[in-house]
Each structure stands twice: as structure tokens, then as C-alpha cells.
N, C-alpha and C. Protein backbone atom coordinates (compact mmCIF):
# COMPACT_ATOMS: atom_id res chain seq x y z
N MET A 1 0.85 -1.17 0.00
CA MET A 1 0.00 0.00 0.00
C MET A 1 0.89 1.24 0.00
N ALA A 2 0.72 2.09 -1.01
CA ALA A 2 1.51 3.31 -1.13
C ALA A 2 0.70 4.50 -0.61
N ILE A 3 1.35 5.34 0.16
CA ILE A 3 0.72 6.57 0.61
C ILE A 3 1.23 7.68 -0.30
N VAL A 4 0.29 8.45 -0.87
CA VAL A 4 0.60 9.47 -1.86
C VAL A 4 0.12 10.82 -1.35
N LEU A 5 0.99 11.82 -1.44
CA LEU A 5 0.65 13.19 -1.10
C LEU A 5 0.46 13.98 -2.38
N GLY A 6 -0.68 14.63 -2.50
CA GLY A 6 -0.94 15.52 -3.63
C GLY A 6 -0.90 16.95 -3.13
N ILE A 7 -0.32 17.84 -3.94
CA ILE A 7 -0.20 19.24 -3.55
C ILE A 7 -0.73 20.14 -4.66
N ASP A 8 -1.61 21.07 -4.28
CA ASP A 8 -2.11 22.12 -5.17
C ASP A 8 -1.53 23.43 -4.64
N PRO A 9 -0.38 23.88 -5.20
CA PRO A 9 0.31 25.03 -4.63
C PRO A 9 -0.39 26.35 -4.89
N GLY A 10 -0.23 27.27 -3.96
CA GLY A 10 -0.74 28.62 -4.10
C GLY A 10 -0.04 29.52 -3.12
N SER A 11 0.11 30.79 -3.47
CA SER A 11 0.81 31.71 -2.57
C SER A 11 -0.06 32.12 -1.38
N ARG A 12 -1.38 32.03 -1.53
CA ARG A 12 -2.29 32.32 -0.41
C ARG A 12 -2.83 31.06 0.24
N ILE A 13 -3.19 30.07 -0.58
CA ILE A 13 -3.72 28.81 -0.07
C ILE A 13 -3.05 27.67 -0.83
N THR A 14 -2.38 26.79 -0.10
CA THR A 14 -1.79 25.59 -0.69
C THR A 14 -2.60 24.40 -0.17
N GLY A 15 -3.22 23.69 -1.10
CA GLY A 15 -4.01 22.52 -0.71
C GLY A 15 -3.14 21.28 -0.67
N TYR A 16 -3.48 20.37 0.23
CA TYR A 16 -2.79 19.08 0.28
C TYR A 16 -3.84 17.98 0.45
N GLY A 17 -3.52 16.82 -0.10
CA GLY A 17 -4.39 15.66 0.02
C GLY A 17 -3.55 14.41 0.15
N VAL A 18 -3.92 13.55 1.05
CA VAL A 18 -3.17 12.32 1.29
C VAL A 18 -4.11 11.14 1.08
N ILE A 19 -3.68 10.20 0.24
CA ILE A 19 -4.47 9.00 -0.02
C ILE A 19 -3.55 7.78 0.07
N SER A 20 -4.16 6.62 0.23
CA SER A 20 -3.40 5.38 0.10
C SER A 20 -3.93 4.66 -1.13
N ALA A 21 -3.05 3.97 -1.80
CA ALA A 21 -3.42 3.26 -3.02
C ALA A 21 -2.88 1.84 -2.96
N GLU A 22 -3.77 0.90 -3.17
CA GLU A 22 -3.40 -0.50 -3.26
C GLU A 22 -4.07 -1.04 -4.51
N GLY A 23 -3.29 -1.21 -5.55
CA GLY A 23 -3.87 -1.58 -6.84
C GLY A 23 -4.76 -0.44 -7.31
N SER A 24 -5.99 -0.75 -7.68
CA SER A 24 -6.91 0.29 -8.12
C SER A 24 -7.76 0.83 -6.95
N ARG A 25 -7.56 0.30 -5.76
CA ARG A 25 -8.33 0.74 -4.59
C ARG A 25 -7.68 1.97 -3.97
N LEU A 26 -8.44 3.05 -3.89
CA LEU A 26 -7.96 4.29 -3.30
C LEU A 26 -8.69 4.54 -1.99
N GLN A 27 -7.97 5.07 -1.02
CA GLN A 27 -8.58 5.36 0.28
C GLN A 27 -8.13 6.74 0.75
N TYR A 28 -9.09 7.52 1.18
CA TYR A 28 -8.83 8.86 1.72
C TYR A 28 -8.15 8.75 3.07
N ILE A 29 -7.11 9.55 3.28
CA ILE A 29 -6.45 9.62 4.58
C ILE A 29 -6.65 10.98 5.22
N ASP A 30 -6.32 12.06 4.49
CA ASP A 30 -6.39 13.40 5.06
C ASP A 30 -6.33 14.43 3.94
N SER A 31 -6.82 15.62 4.22
CA SER A 31 -6.68 16.73 3.29
C SER A 31 -6.87 18.02 4.07
N GLY A 32 -6.42 19.10 3.48
CA GLY A 32 -6.58 20.40 4.13
C GLY A 32 -5.87 21.47 3.34
N CYS A 33 -5.72 22.62 3.99
CA CYS A 33 -5.11 23.78 3.35
C CYS A 33 -4.12 24.45 4.29
N ILE A 34 -3.06 24.93 3.70
CA ILE A 34 -2.10 25.76 4.41
C ILE A 34 -2.41 27.18 3.97
N ARG A 35 -2.89 27.98 4.89
CA ARG A 35 -3.30 29.36 4.57
C ARG A 35 -2.22 30.34 5.00
N THR A 36 -1.81 31.20 4.05
CA THR A 36 -0.74 32.15 4.32
C THR A 36 -1.22 33.60 4.22
N GLU A 37 -2.53 33.79 4.17
CA GLU A 37 -3.07 35.14 3.96
C GLU A 37 -2.64 36.12 5.05
N SER A 38 -2.38 35.63 6.26
CA SER A 38 -2.00 36.53 7.34
C SER A 38 -0.53 36.91 7.29
N ALA A 39 0.26 36.25 6.45
CA ALA A 39 1.70 36.54 6.37
C ALA A 39 1.92 37.94 5.79
N VAL A 40 2.94 38.59 6.30
CA VAL A 40 3.22 39.97 5.89
C VAL A 40 3.92 40.02 4.54
N ASP A 41 4.96 39.24 4.36
CA ASP A 41 5.71 39.29 3.10
C ASP A 41 5.84 37.90 2.48
N LEU A 42 6.33 37.87 1.25
CA LEU A 42 6.41 36.63 0.49
C LEU A 42 7.33 35.61 1.17
N SER A 43 8.44 36.06 1.72
CA SER A 43 9.36 35.11 2.35
C SER A 43 8.69 34.40 3.53
N GLU A 44 7.86 35.11 4.27
CA GLU A 44 7.13 34.50 5.39
C GLU A 44 6.11 33.48 4.87
N LYS A 45 5.44 33.82 3.76
CA LYS A 45 4.48 32.90 3.16
C LYS A 45 5.17 31.61 2.71
N LEU A 46 6.33 31.76 2.05
CA LEU A 46 7.07 30.59 1.57
C LEU A 46 7.52 29.71 2.73
N ASP A 47 7.93 30.34 3.83
CA ASP A 47 8.33 29.57 5.01
C ASP A 47 7.13 28.81 5.58
N MET A 48 5.96 29.45 5.60
CA MET A 48 4.76 28.78 6.12
C MET A 48 4.41 27.56 5.25
N ILE A 49 4.54 27.70 3.94
CA ILE A 49 4.25 26.58 3.03
C ILE A 49 5.26 25.46 3.26
N PHE A 50 6.54 25.82 3.33
CA PHE A 50 7.60 24.84 3.56
C PHE A 50 7.37 24.07 4.86
N ARG A 51 7.11 24.78 5.93
CA ARG A 51 6.90 24.13 7.23
C ARG A 51 5.60 23.34 7.25
N GLY A 52 4.55 23.86 6.62
CA GLY A 52 3.26 23.16 6.59
C GLY A 52 3.33 21.84 5.85
N ILE A 53 3.96 21.84 4.68
CA ILE A 53 4.12 20.60 3.91
C ILE A 53 5.01 19.63 4.68
N GLY A 54 6.06 20.14 5.30
CA GLY A 54 6.94 19.28 6.11
C GLY A 54 6.18 18.61 7.24
N GLN A 55 5.27 19.34 7.85
CA GLN A 55 4.45 18.79 8.95
C GLN A 55 3.54 17.67 8.43
N VAL A 56 2.93 17.88 7.27
CA VAL A 56 2.06 16.85 6.67
C VAL A 56 2.89 15.60 6.36
N ILE A 57 4.09 15.79 5.85
CA ILE A 57 4.97 14.66 5.51
C ILE A 57 5.34 13.88 6.78
N ARG A 58 5.71 14.58 7.82
CA ARG A 58 6.09 13.89 9.07
C ARG A 58 4.90 13.17 9.70
N LEU A 59 3.70 13.70 9.53
CA LEU A 59 2.50 13.09 10.10
C LEU A 59 2.08 11.83 9.34
N HIS A 60 2.11 11.86 8.01
CA HIS A 60 1.54 10.77 7.20
C HIS A 60 2.58 9.88 6.52
N LEU A 61 3.83 10.31 6.47
CA LEU A 61 4.92 9.53 5.88
C LEU A 61 4.61 9.01 4.47
N PRO A 62 4.29 9.90 3.54
CA PRO A 62 4.01 9.44 2.17
C PRO A 62 5.26 8.88 1.52
N ALA A 63 5.05 8.02 0.53
CA ALA A 63 6.17 7.44 -0.22
C ALA A 63 6.39 8.20 -1.52
N GLN A 64 5.35 8.89 -2.00
CA GLN A 64 5.40 9.58 -3.29
C GLN A 64 4.63 10.88 -3.19
N VAL A 65 4.99 11.82 -4.07
CA VAL A 65 4.33 13.12 -4.09
C VAL A 65 4.01 13.50 -5.53
N GLY A 66 2.81 14.04 -5.72
CA GLY A 66 2.42 14.64 -6.99
C GLY A 66 2.11 16.10 -6.73
N ILE A 67 2.53 16.97 -7.64
CA ILE A 67 2.27 18.40 -7.48
C ILE A 67 1.82 18.98 -8.82
N GLU A 68 0.92 19.95 -8.76
CA GLU A 68 0.43 20.57 -9.98
C GLU A 68 1.46 21.56 -10.50
N GLN A 69 1.63 21.57 -11.82
CA GLN A 69 2.55 22.50 -12.46
C GLN A 69 1.96 23.90 -12.49
N VAL A 70 2.83 24.88 -12.68
CA VAL A 70 2.40 26.27 -12.82
C VAL A 70 1.81 26.45 -14.20
N PHE A 71 0.69 27.13 -14.28
CA PHE A 71 0.13 27.48 -15.58
C PHE A 71 0.26 28.99 -15.72
N MET A 72 0.46 29.44 -16.93
CA MET A 72 0.64 30.88 -17.15
C MET A 72 -0.71 31.55 -17.23
N ALA A 73 -0.97 32.38 -16.25
CA ALA A 73 -2.21 33.14 -16.21
C ALA A 73 -1.99 34.48 -16.91
N ARG A 74 -2.98 35.34 -16.86
CA ARG A 74 -2.84 36.66 -17.47
C ARG A 74 -1.84 37.52 -16.71
N ASN A 75 -1.74 37.31 -15.42
CA ASN A 75 -0.90 38.13 -14.57
C ASN A 75 0.43 37.43 -14.30
N ALA A 76 1.51 37.95 -14.88
CA ALA A 76 2.83 37.33 -14.73
C ALA A 76 3.29 37.34 -13.27
N ASP A 77 2.96 38.39 -12.53
CA ASP A 77 3.35 38.48 -11.12
C ASP A 77 2.72 37.34 -10.31
N SER A 78 1.46 37.04 -10.58
CA SER A 78 0.78 35.94 -9.89
C SER A 78 1.43 34.60 -10.24
N ALA A 79 1.80 34.43 -11.50
CA ALA A 79 2.45 33.18 -11.93
C ALA A 79 3.81 33.02 -11.24
N LEU A 80 4.54 34.12 -11.07
CA LEU A 80 5.83 34.05 -10.39
C LEU A 80 5.65 33.68 -8.91
N LYS A 81 4.67 34.27 -8.25
CA LYS A 81 4.41 33.94 -6.84
C LYS A 81 3.98 32.49 -6.70
N LEU A 82 3.15 32.04 -7.63
CA LEU A 82 2.72 30.64 -7.61
C LEU A 82 3.92 29.72 -7.78
N GLY A 83 4.82 30.07 -8.68
CA GLY A 83 6.02 29.27 -8.89
C GLY A 83 6.90 29.21 -7.65
N GLN A 84 6.98 30.32 -6.93
CA GLN A 84 7.77 30.33 -5.70
C GLN A 84 7.12 29.47 -4.61
N ALA A 85 5.80 29.54 -4.51
CA ALA A 85 5.09 28.71 -3.54
C ALA A 85 5.28 27.23 -3.88
N ARG A 86 5.22 26.92 -5.15
CA ARG A 86 5.42 25.56 -5.62
C ARG A 86 6.84 25.09 -5.29
N GLY A 87 7.81 25.97 -5.48
CA GLY A 87 9.19 25.65 -5.15
C GLY A 87 9.37 25.35 -3.67
N ALA A 88 8.72 26.13 -2.81
CA ALA A 88 8.81 25.89 -1.36
C ALA A 88 8.24 24.51 -1.02
N ALA A 89 7.13 24.14 -1.66
CA ALA A 89 6.52 22.83 -1.41
C ALA A 89 7.42 21.70 -1.91
N ILE A 90 8.02 21.89 -3.09
CA ILE A 90 8.91 20.86 -3.64
C ILE A 90 10.13 20.67 -2.75
N VAL A 91 10.71 21.77 -2.28
CA VAL A 91 11.89 21.66 -1.41
C VAL A 91 11.52 20.96 -0.10
N ALA A 92 10.33 21.22 0.42
CA ALA A 92 9.89 20.52 1.64
C ALA A 92 9.86 19.01 1.38
N CYS A 93 9.43 18.61 0.20
CA CYS A 93 9.37 17.17 -0.14
C CYS A 93 10.77 16.59 -0.35
N THR A 94 11.60 17.29 -1.09
CA THR A 94 12.93 16.75 -1.36
C THR A 94 13.81 16.75 -0.10
N THR A 95 13.52 17.62 0.84
CA THR A 95 14.23 17.61 2.12
C THR A 95 13.98 16.29 2.84
N HIS A 96 12.81 15.70 2.60
CA HIS A 96 12.46 14.41 3.20
C HIS A 96 12.74 13.25 2.24
N GLN A 97 13.56 13.49 1.22
CA GLN A 97 13.96 12.49 0.22
C GLN A 97 12.77 11.83 -0.49
N LEU A 98 11.73 12.61 -0.77
CA LEU A 98 10.56 12.07 -1.47
C LEU A 98 10.64 12.40 -2.95
N PRO A 99 10.33 11.43 -3.81
CA PRO A 99 10.27 11.72 -5.24
C PRO A 99 9.03 12.56 -5.55
N VAL A 100 9.21 13.58 -6.37
CA VAL A 100 8.12 14.50 -6.70
C VAL A 100 7.84 14.41 -8.19
N SER A 101 6.59 14.15 -8.55
CA SER A 101 6.16 14.11 -9.95
C SER A 101 5.26 15.31 -10.20
N GLU A 102 5.37 15.89 -11.40
CA GLU A 102 4.62 17.09 -11.73
C GLU A 102 3.57 16.78 -12.79
N TYR A 103 2.39 17.40 -12.63
CA TYR A 103 1.29 17.18 -13.56
C TYR A 103 0.63 18.51 -13.90
N SER A 104 0.26 18.66 -15.15
CA SER A 104 -0.47 19.87 -15.56
C SER A 104 -1.91 19.75 -15.07
N ALA A 105 -2.58 20.88 -14.96
CA ALA A 105 -3.99 20.88 -14.56
C ALA A 105 -4.82 20.04 -15.53
N ARG A 106 -4.47 20.10 -16.80
CA ARG A 106 -5.19 19.33 -17.82
C ARG A 106 -5.00 17.82 -17.60
N GLN A 107 -3.77 17.40 -17.27
CA GLN A 107 -3.51 15.98 -16.99
C GLN A 107 -4.32 15.51 -15.78
N VAL A 108 -4.37 16.33 -14.74
CA VAL A 108 -5.11 15.98 -13.52
C VAL A 108 -6.59 15.80 -13.84
N LYS A 109 -7.16 16.77 -14.55
CA LYS A 109 -8.59 16.69 -14.90
C LYS A 109 -8.87 15.48 -15.79
N GLN A 110 -8.00 15.23 -16.77
CA GLN A 110 -8.16 14.08 -17.66
C GLN A 110 -8.15 12.78 -16.88
N SER A 111 -7.23 12.66 -15.93
CA SER A 111 -7.07 11.44 -15.16
C SER A 111 -8.24 11.19 -14.22
N VAL A 112 -8.76 12.25 -13.62
CA VAL A 112 -9.81 12.10 -12.61
C VAL A 112 -11.21 12.10 -13.22
N VAL A 113 -11.45 13.00 -14.18
CA VAL A 113 -12.80 13.16 -14.73
C VAL A 113 -12.96 12.48 -16.09
N GLY A 114 -11.87 12.43 -16.85
CA GLY A 114 -11.96 11.83 -18.18
C GLY A 114 -11.87 12.88 -19.28
N THR A 115 -11.85 14.15 -18.92
CA THR A 115 -11.67 15.22 -19.89
C THR A 115 -10.80 16.31 -19.27
N GLY A 116 -9.87 16.80 -20.07
CA GLY A 116 -8.96 17.84 -19.60
C GLY A 116 -9.61 19.20 -19.46
N ALA A 117 -10.85 19.32 -19.97
CA ALA A 117 -11.56 20.59 -19.91
C ALA A 117 -12.61 20.59 -18.80
N ALA A 118 -12.52 19.68 -17.85
CA ALA A 118 -13.51 19.56 -16.78
C ALA A 118 -13.55 20.82 -15.90
N GLU A 119 -14.72 21.10 -15.38
CA GLU A 119 -14.91 22.22 -14.44
C GLU A 119 -14.46 21.78 -13.05
N LYS A 120 -14.17 22.77 -12.20
CA LYS A 120 -13.75 22.47 -10.82
C LYS A 120 -14.79 21.63 -10.07
N THR A 121 -16.07 21.93 -10.28
CA THR A 121 -17.12 21.18 -9.59
C THR A 121 -17.15 19.72 -10.02
N GLN A 122 -16.86 19.46 -11.29
CA GLN A 122 -16.80 18.08 -11.78
C GLN A 122 -15.65 17.34 -11.10
N VAL A 123 -14.50 18.01 -10.97
CA VAL A 123 -13.35 17.40 -10.31
C VAL A 123 -13.70 17.09 -8.87
N GLN A 124 -14.33 18.02 -8.17
CA GLN A 124 -14.71 17.80 -6.77
C GLN A 124 -15.66 16.61 -6.63
N ARG A 125 -16.65 16.52 -7.52
CA ARG A 125 -17.60 15.40 -7.46
C ARG A 125 -16.90 14.06 -7.70
N MET A 126 -15.99 14.02 -8.68
CA MET A 126 -15.29 12.76 -8.96
C MET A 126 -14.34 12.37 -7.84
N VAL A 127 -13.70 13.36 -7.22
CA VAL A 127 -12.83 13.07 -6.07
C VAL A 127 -13.67 12.42 -4.97
N CYS A 128 -14.83 12.99 -4.69
CA CYS A 128 -15.72 12.41 -3.67
C CYS A 128 -16.13 10.99 -4.05
N HIS A 129 -16.47 10.80 -5.30
CA HIS A 129 -16.90 9.47 -5.76
C HIS A 129 -15.77 8.45 -5.67
N LEU A 130 -14.59 8.81 -6.18
CA LEU A 130 -13.47 7.87 -6.21
C LEU A 130 -12.96 7.52 -4.82
N LEU A 131 -13.08 8.47 -3.87
CA LEU A 131 -12.59 8.23 -2.52
C LEU A 131 -13.70 7.87 -1.53
N GLY A 132 -14.94 7.81 -2.00
CA GLY A 132 -16.06 7.44 -1.14
C GLY A 132 -16.35 8.46 -0.04
N LEU A 133 -16.19 9.74 -0.36
CA LEU A 133 -16.43 10.79 0.63
C LEU A 133 -17.89 11.22 0.62
N ASP A 134 -18.43 11.49 1.80
CA ASP A 134 -19.82 11.94 1.93
C ASP A 134 -19.99 13.40 1.51
N LYS A 135 -18.98 14.22 1.82
CA LYS A 135 -19.07 15.63 1.43
C LYS A 135 -17.76 16.06 0.80
N SER A 136 -17.85 17.08 -0.01
CA SER A 136 -16.69 17.56 -0.75
C SER A 136 -15.76 18.37 0.14
N PRO A 137 -14.45 18.10 0.05
CA PRO A 137 -13.49 18.92 0.79
C PRO A 137 -13.44 20.33 0.20
N GLN A 138 -12.80 21.23 0.89
CA GLN A 138 -12.62 22.59 0.39
C GLN A 138 -11.95 22.51 -0.99
N ALA A 139 -12.18 23.48 -1.85
CA ALA A 139 -11.76 23.42 -3.26
C ALA A 139 -10.27 23.12 -3.44
N ASP A 140 -9.40 23.81 -2.70
CA ASP A 140 -7.96 23.58 -2.87
C ASP A 140 -7.54 22.20 -2.37
N ALA A 141 -8.17 21.73 -1.32
CA ALA A 141 -7.89 20.38 -0.80
C ALA A 141 -8.39 19.33 -1.80
N ALA A 142 -9.55 19.56 -2.40
CA ALA A 142 -10.08 18.63 -3.41
C ALA A 142 -9.15 18.58 -4.63
N ASP A 143 -8.62 19.74 -5.03
CA ASP A 143 -7.68 19.77 -6.15
C ASP A 143 -6.42 18.98 -5.80
N ALA A 144 -5.95 19.10 -4.57
CA ALA A 144 -4.76 18.35 -4.15
C ALA A 144 -5.04 16.84 -4.13
N LEU A 145 -6.22 16.45 -3.68
CA LEU A 145 -6.60 15.04 -3.72
C LEU A 145 -6.65 14.55 -5.16
N ALA A 146 -7.13 15.40 -6.07
CA ALA A 146 -7.17 15.05 -7.49
C ALA A 146 -5.75 14.83 -8.03
N VAL A 147 -4.80 15.65 -7.59
CA VAL A 147 -3.41 15.47 -8.00
C VAL A 147 -2.88 14.13 -7.49
N ALA A 148 -3.20 13.78 -6.25
CA ALA A 148 -2.77 12.50 -5.69
C ALA A 148 -3.38 11.33 -6.48
N ILE A 149 -4.65 11.44 -6.83
CA ILE A 149 -5.31 10.40 -7.63
C ILE A 149 -4.66 10.30 -9.00
N CYS A 150 -4.40 11.44 -9.63
CA CYS A 150 -3.73 11.47 -10.93
C CYS A 150 -2.38 10.78 -10.84
N HIS A 151 -1.62 11.10 -9.80
CA HIS A 151 -0.30 10.48 -9.64
C HIS A 151 -0.42 8.96 -9.52
N THR A 152 -1.40 8.51 -8.76
CA THR A 152 -1.62 7.07 -8.60
C THR A 152 -1.95 6.42 -9.95
N HIS A 153 -2.86 7.05 -10.71
CA HIS A 153 -3.23 6.51 -12.03
C HIS A 153 -2.03 6.49 -12.97
N MET A 154 -1.26 7.57 -12.98
CA MET A 154 -0.10 7.64 -13.88
C MET A 154 0.96 6.61 -13.48
N SER A 155 1.18 6.44 -12.20
CA SER A 155 2.16 5.45 -11.72
C SER A 155 1.74 4.05 -12.12
N GLN A 156 0.46 3.74 -11.95
CA GLN A 156 -0.04 2.42 -12.32
C GLN A 156 0.08 2.19 -13.83
N SER A 157 -0.18 3.23 -14.62
CA SER A 157 -0.05 3.12 -16.08
C SER A 157 1.40 2.86 -16.47
N MET A 158 2.32 3.54 -15.81
CA MET A 158 3.75 3.35 -16.10
C MET A 158 4.18 1.93 -15.74
N LEU A 159 3.67 1.40 -14.64
CA LEU A 159 4.01 0.03 -14.25
C LEU A 159 3.48 -0.96 -15.27
N ARG A 160 2.26 -0.72 -15.76
CA ARG A 160 1.69 -1.60 -16.78
C ARG A 160 2.52 -1.53 -18.06
N LEU A 161 2.93 -0.31 -18.44
CA LEU A 161 3.75 -0.17 -19.65
C LEU A 161 5.09 -0.86 -19.48
N ALA A 162 5.67 -0.77 -18.31
CA ALA A 162 6.95 -1.42 -18.06
C ALA A 162 6.82 -2.94 -18.17
N GLY A 163 5.65 -3.45 -17.90
CA GLY A 163 5.41 -4.88 -17.99
C GLY A 163 5.05 -5.36 -19.38
N ALA A 164 4.86 -4.43 -20.31
CA ALA A 164 4.50 -4.81 -21.68
C ALA A 164 5.70 -5.48 -22.35
N ARG A 165 5.44 -6.58 -23.05
CA ARG A 165 6.52 -7.34 -23.67
C ARG A 165 6.94 -6.75 -25.02
N LYS A 166 5.98 -6.33 -25.82
CA LYS A 166 6.34 -5.76 -27.12
C LYS A 166 5.19 -4.93 -27.66
N VAL A 167 5.53 -4.14 -28.63
CA VAL A 167 4.53 -3.32 -29.30
C VAL A 167 4.32 -3.90 -30.69
N ARG A 168 3.07 -4.13 -31.04
CA ARG A 168 2.76 -4.71 -32.34
C ARG A 168 1.71 -3.86 -33.01
N ARG A 169 2.01 -3.32 -34.17
CA ARG A 169 1.11 -2.45 -34.92
C ARG A 169 0.56 -1.32 -34.04
N GLY A 170 1.43 -0.71 -33.23
CA GLY A 170 1.03 0.41 -32.40
C GLY A 170 0.28 0.02 -31.15
N ARG A 171 0.14 -1.28 -30.90
CA ARG A 171 -0.58 -1.72 -29.70
C ARG A 171 0.38 -2.48 -28.78
N LEU A 172 0.18 -2.26 -27.51
CA LEU A 172 1.02 -2.97 -26.53
C LEU A 172 0.51 -4.38 -26.33
N ARG A 173 1.43 -5.30 -26.21
CA ARG A 173 1.08 -6.69 -25.91
C ARG A 173 1.67 -7.02 -24.56
N LEU A 174 0.83 -7.45 -23.65
CA LEU A 174 1.28 -7.80 -22.30
C LEU A 174 1.54 -9.27 -22.16
């Protein structure tokens, strides 16, 4: 059973989600948000993200981490802050010797909902369905859980591909 940490980075709110995966069976462990809105400057926010992710890692001892990639928004300043928050989260993971895999928002949506153009509400509903949750977690936590689910699906696909013996006419033969 692998414990997977998913991270949805943000300079104001960084979501995290922890699941366990055994084969195709997924189980919810924990989720939440690291809120930095009260921080005075960016360096304080980055420290809060670094320490918060480190605390989640020490509590749940994940074996793998998935994190959402930065997407270029209209505001370059926001994208830079998001990238810095993401960097703080990645360093928190690598400090604990955890492998970190990166996924685009489109990959996460495709993996969880079946379409890369899915709405946030669709992602939240599928996260609840796949993890058997009665109510939807906060939006950033649900996104982080979706990243963890995506990582699990991608890892399982890679393992299946590694087990393929040969490719014949563009199709894998197991």
C-alpha cells in the first residue's frame, strides 16, 4: 500500500491531500489547506508553506508526491508567486527524500474526470466518488486530492507499460 501526497500550490492557499493506493483501490487519509493570507511578506508565506508541507509529511509519511505544475495566467506576477510557492513545497518534499512528480492541470482533470476541460465542480464530485467521501473537501484540498489520484493513475499506467513485452502495430502486448 503506497501513501501518496498531492499538492495544489498557491501563494495564499496551498491545498494538500493524502491517499493510500493499493492496486486500483484508493482510500482517503487526510486533506486540508495551508493558509498564508495573514503573512506579511512573500518570504514568510514561503516559510509557512515549507513548514506546513513538512508537517504533513512527518504526520503521514508518504512514499510519493504529486504536485500541480504552474500554468501561465494573465498576470505574470501571480504566476511568479505561484512558482515560488510551488518551489517551497517541492523543497519541503525533497528535504524528506521524497520523489516529486509534476502534472499539468489538464492531466489531472483528464485522469480524474476523463476530460482535460472539466470544471472544478466536476473534479470535486469525482474526487468524492473515487474516494467514497460523503461531502466535498474545500476546493484547494479537493484539487490536491485530485493530483494524488492522478499520480496514482499515472504510476499504475507506467508500471503496466513497463510490464509490456512488445509493441505490435502500435498496440502494446502484455
